[in-house]
C-alpha atoms as a PDB file:
ATOM      1  CA  UNK A   1     -33.412  -4.015 -24.048  1.00  0.00           C
ATOM      2  CA  UNK A   2     -32.395   0.243 -24.249  1.00  0.00           C
ATOM      3  CA  UNK A   3     -34.892   0.478 -21.504  1.00  0.00           C
ATOM      4  CA  UNK A   4     -32.546   1.394 -19.027  1.00  0.00           C
ATOM      5  CA  UNK A   5     -30.647   5.025 -19.074  1.00  0.00           C
ATOM      6  CA  UNK A   6     -27.315   3.240 -19.074  1.00  0.00           C
ATOM      7  CA  UNK A   7     -25.302   6.663 -17.739  1.00  0.00           C
ATOM      8  CA  UNK A   8     -23.674   7.570 -14.773  1.00  0.00           C
ATOM      9  CA  UNK A   9     -21.385  10.553 -13.247  1.00  0.00           C
ATOM     10  CA  UNK A  10     -18.766   9.891 -10.420  1.00  0.00           C
ATOM     11  CA  UNK A  11     -17.018  12.888  -9.469  1.00  0.00           C
ATOM     12  CA  UNK A  12     -19.212  15.720 -11.805  1.00  0.00           C
ATOM     13  CA  UNK A  13     -17.566  13.963 -14.724  1.00  0.00           C
ATOM     14  CA  UNK A  14     -20.386  11.883 -17.347  1.00  0.00           C
ATOM     15  CA  UNK A  15     -19.988   8.646 -18.091  1.00  0.00           C
ATOM     16  CA  UNK A  16     -22.290   6.465 -20.723  1.00  0.00           C
ATOM     17  CA  UNK A  17     -21.664   2.751 -18.842  1.00  0.00           C
ATOM     18  CA  UNK A  18     -20.951   2.714 -15.466  1.00  0.00           C
ATOM     19  CA  UNK A  19     -18.238   0.160 -17.054  1.00  0.00           C
ATOM     20  CA  UNK A  20     -14.454   1.508 -15.909  1.00  0.00           C
ATOM     21  CA  UNK A  21     -11.348  -0.046 -17.304  1.00  0.00           C
ATOM     22  CA  UNK A  22      -9.097  -0.936 -14.459  1.00  0.00           C
ATOM     23  CA  UNK A  23      -5.757   0.497 -14.665  1.00  0.00           C
ATOM     24  CA  UNK A  24      -3.200  -1.317 -15.872  1.00  0.00           C
ATOM     25  CA  UNK A  25      -4.719  -3.598 -17.493  1.00  0.00           C
ATOM     26  CA  UNK A  26      -5.728  -2.525 -20.434  1.00  0.00           C
ATOM     27  CA  UNK A  27      -2.303  -0.518 -21.117  1.00  0.00           C
ATOM     28  CA  UNK A  28      -3.520   2.823 -22.804  1.00  0.00           C
ATOM     29  CA  UNK A  29      -5.601   1.628 -24.880  1.00  0.00           C
ATOM     30  CA  UNK A  30      -4.722   0.714 -28.016  1.00  0.00           C
ATOM     31  CA  UNK A  31      -4.748  -2.874 -28.021  1.00  0.00           C
ATOM     32  CA  UNK A  32      -8.096  -3.154 -27.190  1.00  0.00           C
ATOM     33  CA  UNK A  33      -8.911  -0.543 -29.481  1.00  0.00           C
ATOM     34  CA  UNK A  34      -7.878  -3.111 -32.141  1.00  0.00           C
ATOM     35  CA  UNK A  35     -11.056  -5.948 -30.913  1.00  0.00           C
ATOM     36  CA  UNK A  36     -14.340  -2.837 -30.892  1.00  0.00           C
ATOM     37  CA  UNK A  37     -14.584   1.685 -30.517  1.00  0.00           C
ATOM     38  CA  UNK A  38     -13.923   2.371 -26.969  1.00  0.00           C
ATOM     39  CA  UNK A  39     -16.219   4.788 -27.242  1.00  0.00           C
ATOM     40  CA  UNK A  40     -18.896   2.215 -26.589  1.00  0.00           C
ATOM     41  CA  UNK A  41     -16.782   1.842 -22.484  1.00  0.00           C
ATOM     42  CA  UNK A  42     -17.368   4.591 -20.195  1.00  0.00           C
ATOM     43  CA  UNK A  43     -14.281   5.828 -18.928  1.00  0.00           C
ATOM     44  CA  UNK A  44     -10.440   4.687 -19.287  1.00  0.00           C
ATOM     45  CA  UNK A  45      -8.555   4.844 -16.520  1.00  0.00           C
ATOM     46  CA  UNK A  46      -4.943   4.527 -18.153  1.00  0.00           C
ATOM     47  CA  UNK A  47      -1.482   2.548 -17.160  1.00  0.00           C
ATOM     48  CA  UNK A  48      -0.258   3.969 -14.212  1.00  0.00           C
ATOM     49  CA  UNK A  49       1.871   6.756 -14.596  1.00  0.00           C
ATOM     50  CA  UNK A  50       5.516   8.039 -13.248  1.00  0.00           C
ATOM     51  CA  UNK A  51       6.669  10.454 -13.066  1.00  0.00           C
ATOM     52  CA  UNK A  52       9.879   9.752 -15.137  1.00  0.00           C
ATOM     53  CA  UNK A  53       9.874   6.211 -16.648  1.00  0.00           C
ATOM     54  CA  UNK A  54      10.034   3.147 -15.290  1.00  0.00           C
ATOM     55  CA  UNK A  55      10.952  -0.032 -16.067  1.00  0.00           C
ATOM     56  CA  UNK A  56       8.914  -2.354 -14.078  1.00  0.00           C
ATOM     57  CA  UNK A  57      10.511  -5.151 -12.064  1.00  0.00           C
ATOM     58  CA  UNK A  58      11.869  -8.223 -13.443  1.00  0.00           C
ATOM     59  CA  UNK A  59      10.495 -11.432 -14.672  1.00  0.00           C
ATOM     60  CA  UNK A  60       9.880 -13.565 -13.759  1.00  0.00           C
ATOM     61  CA  UNK A  61       6.690 -10.906 -12.446  1.00  0.00           C
ATOM     62  CA  UNK A  62       3.304 -12.789 -13.383  1.00  0.00           C
ATOM     63  CA  UNK A  63       1.621 -16.463 -12.755  1.00  0.00           C
ATOM     64  CA  UNK A  64      -1.688 -17.663 -12.814  1.00  0.00           C
ATOM     65  CA  UNK A  65      -3.900 -18.854  -9.362  1.00  0.00           C
ATOM     66  CA  UNK A  66      -6.515 -20.587  -9.666  1.00  0.00           C
ATOM     67  CA  UNK A  67      -8.533 -17.562  -9.179  1.00  0.00           C
ATOM     68  CA  UNK A  68      -6.944 -14.778 -10.692  1.00  0.00           C
ATOM     69  CA  UNK A  69      -3.764 -13.305 -10.996  1.00  0.00           C
ATOM     70  CA  UNK A  70      -0.628 -12.732  -9.431  1.00  0.00           C
ATOM     71  CA  UNK A  71       1.390  -9.480 -10.869  1.00  0.00           C
ATOM     72  CA  UNK A  72       4.511  -7.806  -9.231  1.00  0.00           C
ATOM     73  CA  UNK A  73       5.016  -5.753 -12.841  1.00  0.00           C
ATOM     74  CA  UNK A  74       5.687  -2.323 -10.706  1.00  0.00           C
ATOM     75  CA  UNK A  75       4.593   0.338 -12.489  1.00  0.00           C
ATOM     76  CA  UNK A  76       6.506  -0.406 -16.239  1.00  0.00           C
ATOM     77  CA  UNK A  77       5.540   2.906 -18.210  1.00  0.00           C
ATOM     78  CA  UNK A  78       6.945   6.003 -20.436  1.00  0.00           C
ATOM     79  CA  UNK A  79       5.920   8.754 -17.629  1.00  0.00           C
ATOM     80  CA  UNK A  80       3.749  11.195 -17.328  1.00  0.00           C
ATOM     81  CA  UNK A  81       5.172  13.897 -19.561  1.00  0.00           C
ATOM     82  CA  UNK A  82       4.991  10.359 -22.822  1.00  0.00           C
ATOM     83  CA  UNK A  83       1.620   9.724 -21.747  1.00  0.00           C
ATOM     84  CA  UNK A  84       0.307  12.924 -22.339  1.00  0.00           C
ATOM     85  CA  UNK A  85       3.048  13.805 -25.492  1.00  0.00           C
ATOM     86  CA  UNK A  86       1.734  10.213 -27.572  1.00  0.00           C
ATOM     87  CA  UNK A  87      -0.884   8.122 -25.520  1.00  0.00           C
ATOM     88  CA  UNK A  88      -3.605  11.366 -24.728  1.00  0.00           C
ATOM     89  CA  UNK A  89      -4.396  12.244 -28.078  1.00  0.00           C
ATOM     90  CA  UNK A  90      -4.347   8.426 -29.341  1.00  0.00           C
ATOM     91  CA  UNK A  91      -7.104   8.580 -26.489  1.00  0.00           C
ATOM     92  CA  UNK A  92      -9.120  11.541 -27.174  1.00  0.00           C
ATOM     93  CA  UNK A  93     -10.320   9.884 -30.454  1.00  0.00           C
ATOM     94  CA  UNK A  94     -13.106   8.046 -28.130  1.00  0.00           C
ATOM     95  CA  UNK A  95     -15.814   9.783 -26.893  1.00  0.00           C
ATOM     96  CA  UNK A  96     -14.929   8.163 -23.219  1.00  0.00           C
ATOM     97  CA  UNK A  97     -13.628   9.920 -20.086  1.00  0.00           C
ATOM     98  CA  UNK A  98      -9.731   9.485 -19.870  1.00  0.00           C
ATOM     99  CA  UNK A  99      -9.138   8.965 -15.795  1.00  0.00           C
ATOM    100  CA  UNK A 100      -4.936   8.716 -15.567  1.00  0.00           C
ATOM    101  CA  UNK A 101      -3.279   6.608 -12.364  1.00  0.00           C
ATOM    102  CA  UNK A 102       0.102   8.116 -11.080  1.00  0.00           C
ATOM    103  CA  UNK A 103       2.463   6.944  -8.580  1.00  0.00           C
ATOM    104  CA  UNK A 104       4.491   9.085  -6.219  1.00  0.00           C
ATOM    105  CA  UNK A 105       7.573   8.422  -4.278  1.00  0.00           C
ATOM    106  CA  UNK A 106       7.335  11.303  -2.585  1.00  0.00           C
ATOM    107  CA  UNK A 107       3.979  13.348  -2.167  1.00  0.00           C
ATOM    108  CA  UNK A 108       6.183  16.667  -4.368  1.00  0.00           C
ATOM    109  CA  UNK A 109       5.375  14.157  -7.559  1.00  0.00           C
ATOM    110  CA  UNK A 110       2.036  13.049  -7.386  1.00  0.00           C
ATOM    111  CA  UNK A 111       1.787  17.911  -7.104  1.00  0.00           C
ATOM    112  CA  UNK A 112       4.163  17.721  -9.861  1.00  0.00           C
ATOM    113  CA  UNK A 113       1.922  15.215 -12.276  1.00  0.00           C
ATOM    114  CA  UNK A 114      -1.529  16.428 -11.784  1.00  0.00           C
ATOM    115  CA  UNK A 115      -0.220  19.783 -12.604  1.00  0.00           C
ATOM    116  CA  UNK A 116       1.054  18.158 -15.211  1.00  0.00           C
ATOM    117  CA  UNK A 117      -2.340  16.315 -16.346  1.00  0.00           C
ATOM    118  CA  UNK A 118      -4.758  19.452 -15.161  1.00  0.00           C
ATOM    119  CA  UNK A 119      -3.268  21.097 -18.498  1.00  0.00           C
ATOM    120  CA  UNK A 120      -2.932  18.089 -20.338  1.00  0.00           C
ATOM    121  CA  UNK A 121      -7.039  17.973 -20.051  1.00  0.00           C
ATOM    122  CA  UNK A 122      -7.353  15.139 -18.304  1.00  0.00           C
ATOM    123  CA  UNK A 123     -10.850  14.482 -17.205  1.00  0.00           C
ATOM    124  CA  UNK A 124      -9.780  12.696 -13.809  1.00  0.00           C
ATOM    125  CA  UNK A 125      -6.826  12.259 -12.250  1.00  0.00           C
ATOM    126  CA  UNK A 126      -6.582   8.233  -9.876  1.00  0.00           C
ATOM    127  CA  UNK A 127      -4.400   9.308  -7.141  1.00  0.00           C
ATOM    128  CA  UNK A 128      -2.682   5.371  -6.361  1.00  0.00           C
ATOM    129  CA  UNK A 129      -1.269   6.115  -2.351  1.00  0.00           C
ATOM    130  CA  UNK A 130      -0.633   1.962  -2.606  1.00  0.00           C
ATOM    131  CA  UNK A 131       2.839   2.272  -3.426  1.00  0.00           C
ATOM    132  CA  UNK A 132       6.238   2.857  -1.467  1.00  0.00           C
ATOM    133  CA  UNK A 133       6.521   6.048   0.547  1.00  0.00           C
ATOM    134  CA  UNK A 134      10.514   6.965  -0.024  1.00  0.00           C
ATOM    135  CA  UNK A 135      10.269  10.175   3.410  1.00  0.00           C
ATOM    136  CA  UNK A 136       8.343   7.294   5.610  1.00  0.00           C
ATOM    137  CA  UNK A 137      11.356   4.124   5.596  1.00  0.00           C
ATOM    138  CA  UNK A 138       9.438   2.117   2.752  1.00  0.00           C
ATOM    139  CA  UNK A 139       5.659   2.323   4.219  1.00  0.00           C
ATOM    140  CA  UNK A 140       2.734   3.268   1.856  1.00  0.00           C
ATOM    141  CA  UNK A 141       0.736   6.163   1.655  1.00  0.00           C
ATOM    142  CA  UNK A 142      -2.237   3.802   1.272  1.00  0.00           C
ATOM    143  CA  UNK A 143      -2.180   2.177   4.750  1.00  0.00           C
ATOM    144  CA  UNK A 144      -1.550   5.345   7.256  1.00  0.00           C
ATOM    145  CA  UNK A 145      -4.425   8.646   7.266  1.00  0.00           C
ATOM    146  CA  UNK A 146      -2.869  10.597   7.835  1.00  0.00           C
ATOM    147  CA  UNK A 147       0.318  10.020   5.492  1.00  0.00           C
ATOM    148  CA  UNK A 148      -3.375   9.587   2.386  1.00  0.00           C
ATOM    149  CA  UNK A 149      -4.634  12.944   3.674  1.00  0.00           C
ATOM    150  CA  UNK A 150      -1.736  14.365   2.863  1.00  0.00           C
ATOM    151  CA  UNK A 151      -0.363  13.006  -0.487  1.00  0.00           C
ATOM    152  CA  UNK A 152      -4.126  14.398  -1.183  1.00  0.00           C
ATOM    153  CA  UNK A 153      -4.298  17.582  -0.082  1.00  0.00           C
ATOM    154  CA  UNK A 154      -1.013  17.485  -2.185  1.00  0.00           C
ATOM    155  CA  UNK A 155      -2.848  16.604  -5.983  1.00  0.00           C
ATOM    156  CA  UNK A 156      -5.713  18.364  -5.117  1.00  0.00           C
ATOM    157  CA  UNK A 157      -3.947  21.326  -4.513  1.00  0.00           C
ATOM    158  CA  UNK A 158      -2.351  21.143  -7.961  1.00  0.00           C
ATOM    159  CA  UNK A 159      -5.499  19.876  -9.977  1.00  0.00           C
ATOM    160  CA  UNK A 160      -7.270  22.811 -10.118  1.00  0.00           C
ATOM    161  CA  UNK A 161     -10.527  21.679 -11.627  1.00  0.00           C
ATOM    162  CA  UNK A 162      -9.928  18.225 -11.880  1.00  0.00           C
ATOM    163  CA  UNK A 163     -11.828  15.371  -9.572  1.00  0.00           C
ATOM    164  CA  UNK A 164      -9.079  14.275  -8.304  1.00  0.00           C
ATOM    165  CA  UNK A 165      -9.917   9.990  -7.151  1.00  0.00           C
ATOM    166  CA  UNK A 166      -7.899   8.039  -4.591  1.00  0.00           C
ATOM    167  CA  UNK A 167      -7.708   4.446  -4.584  1.00  0.00           C
ATOM    168  CA  UNK A 168      -6.866   2.779  -1.829  1.00  0.00           C
ATOM    169  CA  UNK A 169      -5.652  -0.326  -0.570  1.00  0.00           C
ATOM    170  CA  UNK A 170      -7.165  -3.132   0.976  1.00  0.00           C
ATOM    171  CA  UNK A 171      -3.770  -4.242   2.590  1.00  0.00           C
ATOM    172  CA  UNK A 172      -4.787  -2.539   5.996  1.00  0.00           C
ATOM    173  CA  UNK A 173      -6.532  -3.375   8.745  1.00  0.00           C
ATOM    174  CA  UNK A 174      -9.843  -0.126   9.037  1.00  0.00           C
ATOM    175  CA  UNK A 175     -10.070   0.932   4.629  1.00  0.00           C
ATOM    176  CA  UNK A 176     -12.679   3.205   6.219  1.00  0.00           C
ATOM    177  CA  UNK A 177     -10.573   4.853   8.214  1.00  0.00           C
ATOM    178  CA  UNK A 178      -8.392   5.105   4.796  1.00  0.00           C
ATOM    179  CA  UNK A 179     -11.855   6.006   3.554  1.00  0.00           C
ATOM    180  CA  UNK A 180     -12.070   9.362   5.130  1.00  0.00           C
ATOM    181  CA  UNK A 181      -9.402  11.167   5.862  1.00  0.00           C
ATOM    182  CA  UNK A 182      -9.016  11.009   2.117  1.00  0.00           C
ATOM    183  CA  UNK A 183     -12.712  12.383   1.819  1.00  0.00           C
ATOM    184  CA  UNK A 184     -11.613  15.023   4.561  1.00  0.00           C
ATOM    185  CA  UNK A 185      -8.295  15.762   2.781  1.00  0.00           C
ATOM    186  CA  UNK A 186     -10.815  16.785  -0.568  1.00  0.00           C
ATOM    187  CA  UNK A 187     -10.923  13.599  -2.403  1.00  0.00           C
ATOM    188  CA  UNK A 188     -13.704  14.273  -5.309  1.00  0.00           C
ATOM    189  CA  UNK A 189     -14.341  10.521  -4.613  1.00  0.00           C
ATOM    190  CA  UNK A 190     -12.542   7.120  -3.812  1.00  0.00           C
ATOM    191  CA  UNK A 191     -11.914   4.507  -6.065  1.00  0.00           C
ATOM    192  CA  UNK A 192     -11.140   0.353  -4.391  1.00  0.00           C
ATOM    193  CA  UNK A 193      -9.730  -1.736  -4.573  1.00  0.00           C
ATOM    194  CA  UNK A 194      -5.922  -2.270  -5.991  1.00  0.00           C
ATOM    195  CA  UNK A 195      -5.005  -5.674  -5.356  1.00  0.00           C
ATOM    196  CA  UNK A 196      -4.576  -8.317  -2.849  1.00  0.00           C
ATOM    197  CA  UNK A 197      -0.992  -9.378  -1.345  1.00  0.00           C
ATOM    198  CA  UNK A 198       0.042 -12.620  -1.476  1.00  0.00           C
ATOM    199  CA  UNK A 199       2.932 -15.075  -2.073  1.00  0.00           C
ATOM    200  CA  UNK A 200       2.960 -18.217  -4.717  1.00  0.00           C
ATOM    201  CA  UNK A 201       5.686 -20.779  -4.337  1.00  0.00           C
ATOM    202  CA  UNK A 202       6.973 -23.283  -6.966  1.00  0.00           C
ATOM    203  CA  UNK A 203       7.208 -26.711  -4.835  1.00  0.00           C
ATOM    204  CA  UNK A 204       9.686 -28.517  -7.057  1.00  0.00           C
ATOM    205  CA  UNK A 205      12.754 -25.399  -6.600  1.00  0.00           C
ATOM    206  CA  UNK A 206      11.571 -24.201  -3.026  1.00  0.00           C
ATOM    207  CA  UNK A 207      11.812 -20.451  -4.859  1.00  0.00           C
ATOM    208  CA  UNK A 208       8.983 -18.608  -4.759  1.00  0.00           C
ATOM    209  CA  UNK A 209       7.506 -17.617  -8.467  1.00  0.00           C
ATOM    210  CA  UNK A 210       7.587 -14.507  -9.039  1.00  0.00           C
ATOM    211  CA  UNK A 211      11.276 -11.842  -9.407  1.00  0.00           C
ATOM    212  CA  UNK A 212      10.033  -9.560  -6.174  1.00  0.00           C
ATOM    213  CA  UNK A 213       8.753 -12.785  -4.223  1.00  0.00           C
ATOM    214  CA  UNK A 214       4.617 -11.018  -3.958  1.00  0.00           C
ATOM    215  CA  UNK A 215       3.202  -9.241  -5.267  1.00  0.00           C
ATOM    216  CA  UNK A 216      -1.004  -7.897  -6.049  1.00  0.00           C
ATOM    217  CA  UNK A 217      -3.315 -11.261  -6.771  1.00  0.00           C
ATOM    218  CA  UNK A 218      -6.459  -9.569  -9.139  1.00  0.00           C
ATOM    219  CA  UNK A 219      -9.144 -11.713 -10.165  1.00  0.00           C
ATOM    220  CA  UNK A 220     -12.374 -13.884  -9.559  1.00  0.00           C
ATOM    221  CA  UNK A 221     -11.192 -14.917  -5.783  1.00  0.00           C
ATOM    222  CA  UNK A 222     -11.084 -11.391  -4.843  1.00  0.00           C
ATOM    223  CA  UNK A 223     -14.035  -9.786  -5.750  1.00  0.00           C
ATOM    224  CA  UNK A 224     -16.292 -11.025  -2.226  1.00  0.00           C
ATOM    225  CA  UNK A 225     -13.750  -9.079  -0.058  1.00  0.00           C
ATOM    226  CA  UNK A 226     -13.586  -5.799  -2.297  1.00  0.00           C
ATOM    227  CA  UNK A 227     -17.669  -6.058  -2.372  1.00  0.00           C
ATOM    228  CA  UNK A 228     -17.302  -5.639   1.718  1.00  0.00           C
ATOM    229  CA  UNK A 229     -14.447  -2.804   2.127  1.00  0.00           C
ATOM    230  CA  UNK A 230     -17.164  -1.011  -1.234  1.00  0.00           C
ATOM    231  CA  UNK A 231     -20.330  -1.969   1.498  1.00  0.00           C
ATOM    232  CA  UNK A 232     -18.060  -0.445   4.407  1.00  0.00           C
ATOM    233  CA  UNK A 233     -15.879   2.124   2.672  1.00  0.00           C
ATOM    234  CA  UNK A 234     -19.530   3.457   1.218  1.00  0.00           C
ATOM    235  CA  UNK A 235     -21.208   4.042   4.275  1.00  0.00           C
ATOM    236  CA  UNK A 236     -18.776   5.675   6.059  1.00  0.00           C
ATOM    237  CA  UNK A 237     -17.794   8.373   3.105  1.00  0.00           C
ATOM    238  CA  UNK A 238     -19.859  10.517   1.777  1.00  0.00           C
ATOM    239  CA  UNK A 239     -17.832  11.190  -1.348  1.00  0.00           C
ATOM    240  CA  UNK A 240     -18.555   9.064  -4.631  1.00  0.00           C
ATOM    241  CA  UNK A 241     -16.936   4.945  -5.027  1.00  0.00           C
ATOM    242  CA  UNK A 242     -15.325   3.282  -7.832  1.00  0.00           C
ATOM    243  CA  UNK A 243     -15.607  -0.443  -7.075  1.00  0.00           C
ATOM    244  CA  UNK A 244     -13.108  -2.773  -8.289  1.00  0.00           C
ATOM    245  CA  UNK A 245     -11.711  -5.688  -7.889  1.00  0.00           C
ATOM    246  CA  UNK A 246     -12.866  -9.376  -8.708  1.00  0.00           C
ATOM    247  CA  UNK A 247     -15.859  -7.910 -11.634  1.00  0.00           C
ATOM    248  CA  UNK A 248     -16.261 -10.186 -14.410  1.00  0.00           C
ATOM    249  CA  UNK A 249     -19.809 -10.474 -15.884  1.00  0.00           C
ATOM    250  CA  UNK A 250     -22.414  -8.483 -15.108  1.00  0.00           C
ATOM    251  CA  UNK A 251     -23.867  -9.848 -11.856  1.00  0.00           C
ATOM    252  CA  UNK A 252     -19.987  -8.884 -10.385  1.00  0.00           C
ATOM    253  CA  UNK A 253     -20.252  -5.425 -11.674  1.00  0.00           C
ATOM    254  CA  UNK A 254     -24.486  -4.975  -9.961  1.00  0.00           C
ATOM    255  CA  UNK A 255     -23.366  -5.901  -5.957  1.00  0.00           C
ATOM    256  CA  UNK A 256     -20.578  -3.740  -6.402  1.00  0.00           C
ATOM    257  CA  UNK A 257     -22.529  -0.864  -7.115  1.00  0.00           C
ATOM    258  CA  UNK A 258     -25.843  -2.265  -5.168  1.00  0.00           C
ATOM    259  CA  UNK A 259     -22.589  -2.379  -2.174  1.00  0.00           C
ATOM    260  CA  UNK A 260     -22.874   1.486  -3.344  1.00  0.00           C
ATOM    261  CA  UNK A 261     -20.843   1.853  -5.783  1.00  0.00           C
ATOM    262  CA  UNK A 262     -21.440   4.219  -8.321  1.00  0.00           C
ATOM    263  CA  UNK A 263     -19.333   2.908 -10.923  1.00  0.00           C
ATOM    264  CA  UNK A 264     -17.195  -0.377 -11.725  1.00  0.00           C
ATOM    265  CA  UNK A 265     -14.557  -1.052 -12.782  1.00  0.00           C
ATOM    266  CA  UNK A 266     -13.056  -3.930 -15.098  1.00  0.00           C
ATOM    267  CA  UNK A 267      -9.399  -5.471 -14.842  1.00  0.00           C
ATOM    268  CA  UNK A 268      -7.702  -8.416 -15.000  1.00  0.00           C
ATOM    269  CA  UNK A 269     -11.494  -9.865 -16.903  1.00  0.00           C
ATOM    270  CA  UNK A 270      -9.395  -8.615 -19.998  1.00  0.00           C
ATOM    271  CA  UNK A 271      -7.184 -10.956 -20.457  1.00  0.00           C
ATOM    272  CA  UNK A 272      -8.714 -13.774 -21.286  1.00  0.00           C
ATOM    273  CA  UNK A 273     -12.277 -11.575 -23.053  1.00  0.00           C
ATOM    274  CA  UNK A 274     -11.045  -8.655 -24.428  1.00  0.00           C
ATOM    275  CA  UNK A 275     -15.301  -7.775 -25.256  1.00  0.00           C
ATOM    276  CA  UNK A 276     -15.100  -8.451 -21.175  1.00  0.00           C
ATOM    277  CA  UNK A 277     -16.606  -4.677 -20.994  1.00  0.00           C
ATOM    278  CA  UNK A 278     -18.797  -5.027 -22.513  1.00  0.00           C
ATOM    279  CA  UNK A 279     -20.166  -8.080 -21.639  1.00  0.00           C
ATOM    280  CA  UNK A 280     -20.714  -7.051 -18.483  1.00  0.00           C
ATOM    281  CA  UNK A 281     -22.548  -3.384 -19.363  1.00  0.00           C
ATOM    282  CA  UNK A 282     -24.551  -5.812 -21.093  1.00  0.00           C
ATOM    283  CA  UNK A 283     -25.656  -8.043 -19.044  1.00  0.00           C
ATOM    284  CA  UNK A 284     -26.137  -5.051 -15.242  1.00  0.00           C
ATOM    285  CA  UNK A 285     -28.409  -3.446 -17.954  1.00  0.00           C
ATOM    286  CA  UNK A 286     -30.295  -6.734 -18.094  1.00  0.00           C
ATOM    287  CA  UNK A 287     -30.450  -6.585 -15.001  1.00  0.00           C
ATOM    288  CA  UNK A 288     -31.316  -3.018 -14.179  1.00  0.00           C
ATOM    289  CA  UNK A 289     -34.134  -3.729 -16.639  1.00  0.00           C
ATOM    290  CA  UNK A 290     -35.390  -7.930 -14.503  1.00  0.00           C
ATOM    291  CA  UNK A 291     -35.121  -5.045 -11.930  1.00  0.00           C
ATOM    292  CA  UNK A 292     -37.679  -3.109 -13.087  1.00  0.00           C
ATOM    293  CA  UNK A 293     -35.227   0.018 -12.936  1.00  0.00           C
ATOM    294  CA  UNK A 294     -35.170   2.699 -15.076  1.00  0.00           C
ATOM    295  CA  UNK A 295     -31.648   4.536 -14.257  1.00  0.00           C
ATOM    296  CA  UNK A 296     -28.684   2.196 -14.025  1.00  0.00           C
ATOM    297  CA  UNK A 297     -27.052   4.188 -11.126  1.00  0.00           C
ATOM    298  CA  UNK A 298     -30.714   3.115  -9.186  1.00  0.00           C
ATOM    299  CA  UNK A 299     -28.494  -0.182  -8.391  1.00  0.00           C
ATOM    300  CA  UNK A 300     -26.608   2.828  -6.206  1.00  0.00           C
ATOM    301  CA  UNK A 301     -26.639   1.182  -2.835  1.00  0.00           C
ATOM    302  CA  UNK A 302     -29.908  -0.740  -2.598  1.00  0.00           C
ATOM    303  CA  UNK A 303     -28.600  -3.639  -0.872  1.00  0.00           C
ATOM    304  CA  UNK A 304     -30.729  -4.275   2.013  1.00  0.00           C
ATOM    305  CA  UNK A 305     -27.879  -5.710   4.584  1.00  0.00           C
ATOM    306  CA  UNK A 306     -30.093  -8.638   7.861  1.00  0.00           C
ATOM    307  CA  UNK A 307     -30.646  -6.581  10.692  1.00  0.00           C
END
C-alpha cells in the first residue's frame, strides 16, 4: 500500500483523499472525532445550515428500510452564525477541507449565507437546492432549471472566491437539465444525488411511519440510481462532480468515480460503522493499485460503456 497518490482536486480545492463526509450524516464532526483523527478524511461537508436556527420536524422522523434509511429530520441546525462561531473553529483544528452546506427559503437567504461563510473562510459552499421555494408556491429550486439557475447566480455573486457546489435532487425527470442550468449560472461543481423521496406505512396502525408522511431515502438501495445519474451528469457538463448515494465500500466509491465523479461522499454508512469512510478510502486505494494506477484520480470517467 501507499503506492497510489490518493489526492484529488475538486473545484480547485485540494483534498488528501477523494472521500468526503456527506452533509447531514456527520454532524459537525465532533462525535466522529472521538473515534479517529478527522485529518484522515478528504473533506467534511457539515450538517445543513439555514440562516436562522431550526428545530426540525417532529418525531418520528427516521425509519430504517431493508436497504437504507428514510428520514424527515427537517434540517435541524443551530443556524449559520452559530456554526461560524462555535463549530467552524473546531473543524479548523484539522487538516481537512471544510464544506458548508446551506439551504434557504428565498434566493436572498442563500446570498446572505454565502457572504457570511465566505468571510468566515470555509473551503467550499454546497448549495442545497432541494428545499421548498416560498416564492414559487412551494416548488423546490432543484426541480426547475430557471429556479436552480437563479439560486446559483445569487450564491456565486455573494460567495467571493469561495467555490460554489450545487447539490442536485434526483426527484426530477431529467437531472442533466438542472445540472446544465446551474453550470450555465456559474456553479464550480455539482454534487449528487440527494435523497430519493420515499414512504413507509405501518400496516398495523394504517399510518405512515414518519410523522411528516414522506421522507428522503438513502443507503445502499440508492447506489445504482446514483451511479446512473453521476454518469449522465458528468457527460452533460464540464464542471466536476461529487458523487454520493449508497457508498459503503471501496467498490461503491470506485463505481461513482468510474462513472465520472472527481470525489465521493459517504453518508448513511457512518450510522452503522463510524469507521466506514476510512475503510472506503483504504479499499479504494487497493482497487486503484490493483489496476496499476499511480493516481486514484485516474479512475474518474474510466468506465467503458457498451456501444
